[in-house]
Amino acid sequence: MDNEGKRPGWWKWTITPPQSYAIYLAALVLVFVLSFYSGTLKPKGSPGMGSPPAAQR
């Protein structure tokens, strides 16, 4: 019973060492870029809110 024939070819290619290192690094870069991009987004304010009130003494 050969289970190797049931695996798709891309998966076997992906888990070999040189490709797996490249895919791991690409995933790290993708996570970094997405988190950096989401951190630079400005939240949308409500149109009727205006500016916050000034602090009183």
PDB file of N, CA and C in Angstrom:
ATOM      1  N   MET A   1       0.834  -1.177   0.000  1.00  0.00           N
ATOM      2  CA  MET A   1       0.000   0.000   0.000  1.00  0.00           C
ATOM      3  C   MET A   1       0.879   1.241   0.000  1.00  0.00           C
ATOM      4  N   ASP A   2       0.967   1.823  -1.140  1.00  0.00           N
ATOM      5  CA  ASP A   2       1.844   2.975  -1.317  1.00  0.00           C
ATOM      6  C   ASP A   2       1.038   4.265  -1.160  1.00  0.00           C
ATOM      7  N   ASN A   3       1.247   4.968  -0.067  1.00  0.00           N
ATOM      8  CA  ASN A   3       0.547   6.230   0.174  1.00  0.00           C
ATOM      9  C   ASN A   3       1.220   7.416  -0.513  1.00  0.00           C
ATOM     10  N   GLU A   4       2.435   7.230  -0.988  1.00  0.00           N
ATOM     11  CA  GLU A   4       3.146   8.318  -1.647  1.00  0.00           C
ATOM     12  C   GLU A   4       2.463   8.757  -2.937  1.00  0.00           C
ATOM     13  N   GLY A   5       1.790   7.873  -3.608  1.00  0.00           N
ATOM     14  CA  GLY A   5       1.121   8.197  -4.859  1.00  0.00           C
ATOM     15  C   GLY A   5      -0.087   9.096  -4.673  1.00  0.00           C
ATOM     16  N   LYS A   6      -0.637   9.151  -3.468  1.00  0.00           N
ATOM     17  CA  LYS A   6      -1.824   9.945  -3.211  1.00  0.00           C
ATOM     18  C   LYS A   6      -1.502  11.414  -2.944  1.00  0.00           C
ATOM     19  N   ARG A   7      -0.263  11.741  -2.621  1.00  0.00           N
ATOM     20  CA  ARG A   7       0.110  13.127  -2.361  1.00  0.00           C
ATOM     21  C   ARG A   7       0.230  13.897  -3.663  1.00  0.00           C
ATOM     22  N   PRO A   8      -0.223  15.137  -3.671  1.00  0.00           N
ATOM     23  CA  PRO A   8      -0.036  15.945  -4.870  1.00  0.00           C
ATOM     24  C   PRO A   8       1.447  16.271  -5.081  1.00  0.00           C
ATOM     25  N   GLY A   9       1.826  16.494  -6.311  1.00  0.00           N
ATOM     26  CA  GLY A   9       3.219  16.749  -6.634  1.00  0.00           C
ATOM     27  C   GLY A   9       3.762  18.028  -6.031  1.00  0.00           C
ATOM     28  N   TRP A  10       2.929  19.058  -5.920  1.00  0.00           N
ATOM     29  CA  TRP A  10       3.411  20.336  -5.375  1.00  0.00           C
ATOM     30  C   TRP A  10       3.740  20.207  -3.900  1.00  0.00           C
ATOM     31  N   TRP A  11       3.023  19.357  -3.164  1.00  0.00           N
ATOM     32  CA  TRP A  11       3.297  19.206  -1.736  1.00  0.00           C
ATOM     33  C   TRP A  11       4.654  18.543  -1.521  1.00  0.00           C
ATOM     34  N   LYS A  12       4.939  17.536  -2.315  1.00  0.00           N
ATOM     35  CA  LYS A  12       6.230  16.852  -2.197  1.00  0.00           C
ATOM     36  C   LYS A  12       7.367  17.796  -2.578  1.00  0.00           C
ATOM     37  N   TRP A  13       7.128  18.639  -3.576  1.00  0.00           N
ATOM     38  CA  TRP A  13       8.127  19.629  -3.976  1.00  0.00           C
ATOM     39  C   TRP A  13       8.306  20.676  -2.884  1.00  0.00           C
ATOM     40  N   THR A  14       7.222  21.047  -2.220  1.00  0.00           N
ATOM     41  CA  THR A  14       7.256  22.116  -1.233  1.00  0.00           C
ATOM     42  C   THR A  14       8.016  21.720   0.024  1.00  0.00           C
ATOM     43  N   ILE A  15       7.925  20.455   0.440  1.00  0.00           N
ATOM     44  CA  ILE A  15       8.524  20.069   1.714  1.00  0.00           C
ATOM     45  C   ILE A  15       9.990  19.653   1.585  1.00  0.00           C
ATOM     46  N   THR A  16      10.564  19.714   0.410  1.00  0.00           N
ATOM     47  CA  THR A  16      11.993  19.426   0.288  1.00  0.00           C
ATOM     48  C   THR A  16      12.773  20.637   0.787  1.00  0.00           C
ATOM     49  N   PRO A  17      13.929  20.428   1.397  1.00  0.00           N
ATOM     50  CA  PRO A  17      14.615  21.495   2.116  1.00  0.00           C
ATOM     51  C   PRO A  17      14.854  22.823   1.386  1.00  0.00           C
ATOM     52  N   PRO A  18      15.396  22.900   0.220  1.00  0.00           N
ATOM     53  CA  PRO A  18      15.632  24.256  -0.323  1.00  0.00           C
ATOM     54  C   PRO A  18      14.341  25.047  -0.542  1.00  0.00           C
ATOM     55  N   GLN A  19      13.320  24.390  -1.055  1.00  0.00           N
ATOM     56  CA  GLN A  19      12.064  25.080  -1.299  1.00  0.00           C
ATOM     57  C   GLN A  19      11.356  25.417   0.004  1.00  0.00           C
ATOM     58  N   SER A  20      11.449  24.558   0.989  1.00  0.00           N
ATOM     59  CA  SER A  20      10.762  24.817   2.252  1.00  0.00           C
ATOM     60  C   SER A  20      11.352  26.036   2.949  1.00  0.00           C
ATOM     61  N   TYR A  21      12.662  26.236   2.852  1.00  0.00           N
ATOM     62  CA  TYR A  21      13.273  27.432   3.441  1.00  0.00           C
ATOM     63  C   TYR A  21      12.779  28.687   2.728  1.00  0.00           C
ATOM     64  N   ALA A  22      12.710  28.639   1.423  1.00  0.00           N
ATOM     65  CA  ALA A  22      12.254  29.797   0.654  1.00  0.00           C
ATOM     66  C   ALA A  22      10.785  30.108   0.944  1.00  0.00           C
ATOM     67  N   ILE A  23       9.966  29.092   1.052  1.00  0.00           N
ATOM     68  CA  ILE A  23       8.545  29.306   1.331  1.00  0.00           C
ATOM     69  C   ILE A  23       8.356  29.832   2.747  1.00  0.00           C
ATOM     70  N   TYR A  24       9.143  29.345   3.698  1.00  0.00           N
ATOM     71  CA  TYR A  24       9.075  29.843   5.068  1.00  0.00           C
ATOM     72  C   TYR A  24       9.455  31.320   5.113  1.00  0.00           C
ATOM     73  N   LEU A  25      10.528  31.706   4.455  1.00  0.00           N
ATOM     74  CA  LEU A  25      10.936  33.110   4.430  1.00  0.00           C
ATOM     75  C   LEU A  25       9.907  33.978   3.724  1.00  0.00           C
ATOM     76  N   ALA A  26       9.326  33.481   2.639  1.00  0.00           N
ATOM     77  CA  ALA A  26       8.293  34.248   1.938  1.00  0.00           C
ATOM     78  C   ALA A  26       7.069  34.442   2.829  1.00  0.00           C
ATOM     79  N   ALA A  27       6.710  33.435   3.607  1.00  0.00           N
ATOM     80  CA  ALA A  27       5.574  33.568   4.523  1.00  0.00           C
ATOM     81  C   ALA A  27       5.880  34.585   5.617  1.00  0.00           C
ATOM     82  N   LEU A  28       7.108  34.586   6.143  1.00  0.00           N
ATOM     83  CA  LEU A  28       7.487  35.576   7.146  1.00  0.00           C
ATOM     84  C   LEU A  28       7.417  36.993   6.587  1.00  0.00           C
ATOM     85  N   VAL A  29       7.920  37.177   5.375  1.00  0.00           N
ATOM     86  CA  VAL A  29       7.876  38.500   4.745  1.00  0.00           C
ATOM     87  C   VAL A  29       6.431  38.923   4.512  1.00  0.00           C
ATOM     88  N   LEU A  30       5.590  38.009   4.071  1.00  0.00           N
ATOM     89  CA  LEU A  30       4.189  38.323   3.829  1.00  0.00           C
ATOM     90  C   LEU A  30       3.486  38.749   5.126  1.00  0.00           C
ATOM     91  N   VAL A  31       3.735  38.037   6.212  1.00  0.00           N
ATOM     92  CA  VAL A  31       3.138  38.402   7.498  1.00  0.00           C
ATOM     93  C   VAL A  31       3.642  39.765   7.946  1.00  0.00           C
ATOM     94  N   PHE A  32       4.939  40.026   7.789  1.00  0.00           N
ATOM     95  CA  PHE A  32       5.489  41.327   8.171  1.00  0.00           C
ATOM     96  C   PHE A  32       4.881  42.454   7.357  1.00  0.00           C
ATOM     97  N   VAL A  33       4.781  42.271   6.053  1.00  0.00           N
ATOM     98  CA  VAL A  33       4.238  43.315   5.183  1.00  0.00           C
ATOM     99  C   VAL A  33       2.771  43.569   5.497  1.00  0.00           C
ATOM    100  N   LEU A  34       1.993  42.518   5.681  1.00  0.00           N
ATOM    101  CA  LEU A  34       0.573  42.702   5.993  1.00  0.00           C
ATOM    102  C   LEU A  34       0.367  43.366   7.350  1.00  0.00           C
ATOM    103  N   SER A  35       1.156  42.989   8.339  1.00  0.00           N
ATOM    104  CA  SER A  35       1.002  43.619   9.651  1.00  0.00           C
ATOM    105  C   SER A  35       1.471  45.068   9.622  1.00  0.00           C
ATOM    106  N   PHE A  36       2.530  45.358   8.861  1.00  0.00           N
ATOM    107  CA  PHE A  36       2.982  46.738   8.731  1.00  0.00           C
ATOM    108  C   PHE A  36       1.937  47.579   8.011  1.00  0.00           C
ATOM    109  N   TYR A  37       1.365  47.036   6.958  1.00  0.00           N
ATOM    110  CA  TYR A  37       0.338  47.755   6.202  1.00  0.00           C
ATOM    111  C   TYR A  37      -0.899  48.000   7.059  1.00  0.00           C
ATOM    112  N   SER A  38      -1.328  47.002   7.807  1.00  0.00           N
ATOM    113  CA  SER A  38      -2.517  47.185   8.645  1.00  0.00           C
ATOM    114  C   SER A  38      -2.240  48.163   9.780  1.00  0.00           C
ATOM    115  N   GLY A  39      -1.003  48.275  10.218  1.00  0.00           N
ATOM    116  CA  GLY A  39      -0.658  49.241  11.252  1.00  0.00           C
ATOM    117  C   GLY A  39      -0.632  50.666  10.742  1.00  0.00           C
ATOM    118  N   THR A  40      -0.437  50.858   9.449  1.00  0.00           N
ATOM    119  CA  THR A  40      -0.389  52.208   8.907  1.00  0.00           C
ATOM    120  C   THR A  40      -1.759  52.717   8.483  1.00  0.00           C
ATOM    121  N   LEU A  41      -2.765  51.861   8.497  1.00  0.00           N
ATOM    122  CA  LEU A  41      -4.098  52.304   8.121  1.00  0.00           C
ATOM    123  C   LEU A  41      -4.672  53.206   9.197  1.00  0.00           C
ATOM    124  N   LYS A  42      -5.365  54.249   8.783  1.00  0.00           N
ATOM    125  CA  LYS A  42      -5.990  55.149   9.740  1.00  0.00           C
ATOM    126  C   LYS A  42      -7.446  54.741   9.907  1.00  0.00           C
ATOM    127  N   PRO A  43      -7.922  54.712  11.135  1.00  0.00           N
ATOM    128  CA  PRO A  43      -9.318  54.338  11.343  1.00  0.00           C
ATOM    129  C   PRO A  43     -10.250  55.415  10.799  1.00  0.00           C
ATOM    130  N   LYS A  44     -11.369  54.973  10.278  1.00  0.00           N
ATOM    131  CA  LYS A  44     -12.349  55.916   9.760  1.00  0.00           C
ATOM    132  C   LYS A  44     -13.148  56.475  10.931  1.00  0.00           C
ATOM    133  N   GLY A  45     -13.270  57.798  10.984  1.00  0.00           N
ATOM    134  CA  GLY A  45     -14.051  58.417  12.039  1.00  0.00           C
ATOM    135  C   GLY A  45     -15.497  58.538  11.617  1.00  0.00           C
ATOM    136  N   SER A  46     -16.372  58.658  12.587  1.00  0.00           N
ATOM    137  CA  SER A  46     -17.781  58.864  12.278  1.00  0.00           C
ATOM    138  C   SER A  46     -17.961  60.284  11.765  1.00  0.00           C
ATOM    139  N   PRO A  47     -18.816  60.502  10.768  1.00  0.00           N
ATOM    140  CA  PRO A  47     -18.941  61.827  10.178  1.00  0.00           C
ATOM    141  C   PRO A  47     -19.509  62.874  11.128  1.00  0.00           C
ATOM    142  N   GLY A  48     -20.381  62.511  12.061  1.00  0.00           N
ATOM    143  CA  GLY A  48     -21.015  63.497  12.911  1.00  0.00           C
ATOM    144  C   GLY A  48     -20.335  63.712  14.249  1.00  0.00           C
ATOM    145  N   MET A  49     -19.216  63.073  14.501  1.00  0.00           N
ATOM    146  CA  MET A  49     -18.611  63.149  15.828  1.00  0.00           C
ATOM    147  C   MET A  49     -17.868  64.462  16.066  1.00  0.00           C
ATOM    148  N   GLY A  50     -17.133  64.957  15.110  1.00  0.00           N
ATOM    149  CA  GLY A  50     -16.348  66.168  15.322  1.00  0.00           C
ATOM    150  C   GLY A  50     -15.094  65.859  16.127  1.00  0.00           C
ATOM    151  N   SER A  51     -14.482  66.918  16.650  1.00  0.00           N
ATOM    152  CA  SER A  51     -13.267  66.726  17.430  1.00  0.00           C
ATOM    153  C   SER A  51     -13.623  66.407  18.881  1.00  0.00           C
ATOM    154  N   PRO A  52     -12.725  65.739  19.596  1.00  0.00           N
ATOM    155  CA  PRO A  52     -13.019  65.426  20.989  1.00  0.00           C
ATOM    156  C   PRO A  52     -13.009  66.690  21.837  1.00  0.00           C
ATOM    157  N   PRO A  53     -13.756  66.711  22.930  1.00  0.00           N
ATOM    158  CA  PRO A  53     -13.794  67.913  23.768  1.00  0.00           C
ATOM    159  C   PRO A  53     -12.455  68.158  24.466  1.00  0.00           C
ATOM    160  N   ALA A  54     -12.164  69.429  24.717  1.00  0.00           N
ATOM    161  CA  ALA A  54     -10.914  69.780  25.392  1.00  0.00           C
ATOM    162  C   ALA A  54     -11.021  69.455  26.878  1.00  0.00           C
ATOM    163  N   ALA A  55      -9.896  69.119  27.476  1.00  0.00           N
ATOM    164  CA  ALA A  55      -9.883  68.809  28.913  1.00  0.00           C
ATOM    165  C   ALA A  55     -10.090  70.085  29.717  1.00  0.00           C
ATOM    166  N   GLN A  56     -10.927  70.014  30.733  1.00  0.00           N
ATOM    167  CA  GLN A  56     -11.189  71.173  31.581  1.00  0.00           C
ATOM    168  C   GLN A  56     -10.416  71.068  32.881  1.00  0.00           C
ATOM    169  N   ARG A  57     -10.104  72.224  33.449  1.00  0.00           N
ATOM    170  CA  ARG A  57      -9.352  72.230  34.705  1.00  0.00           C
ATOM    171  C   ARG A  57     -10.257  72.139  35.876  1.00  0.00           C
TER     172      ARG A  57
END
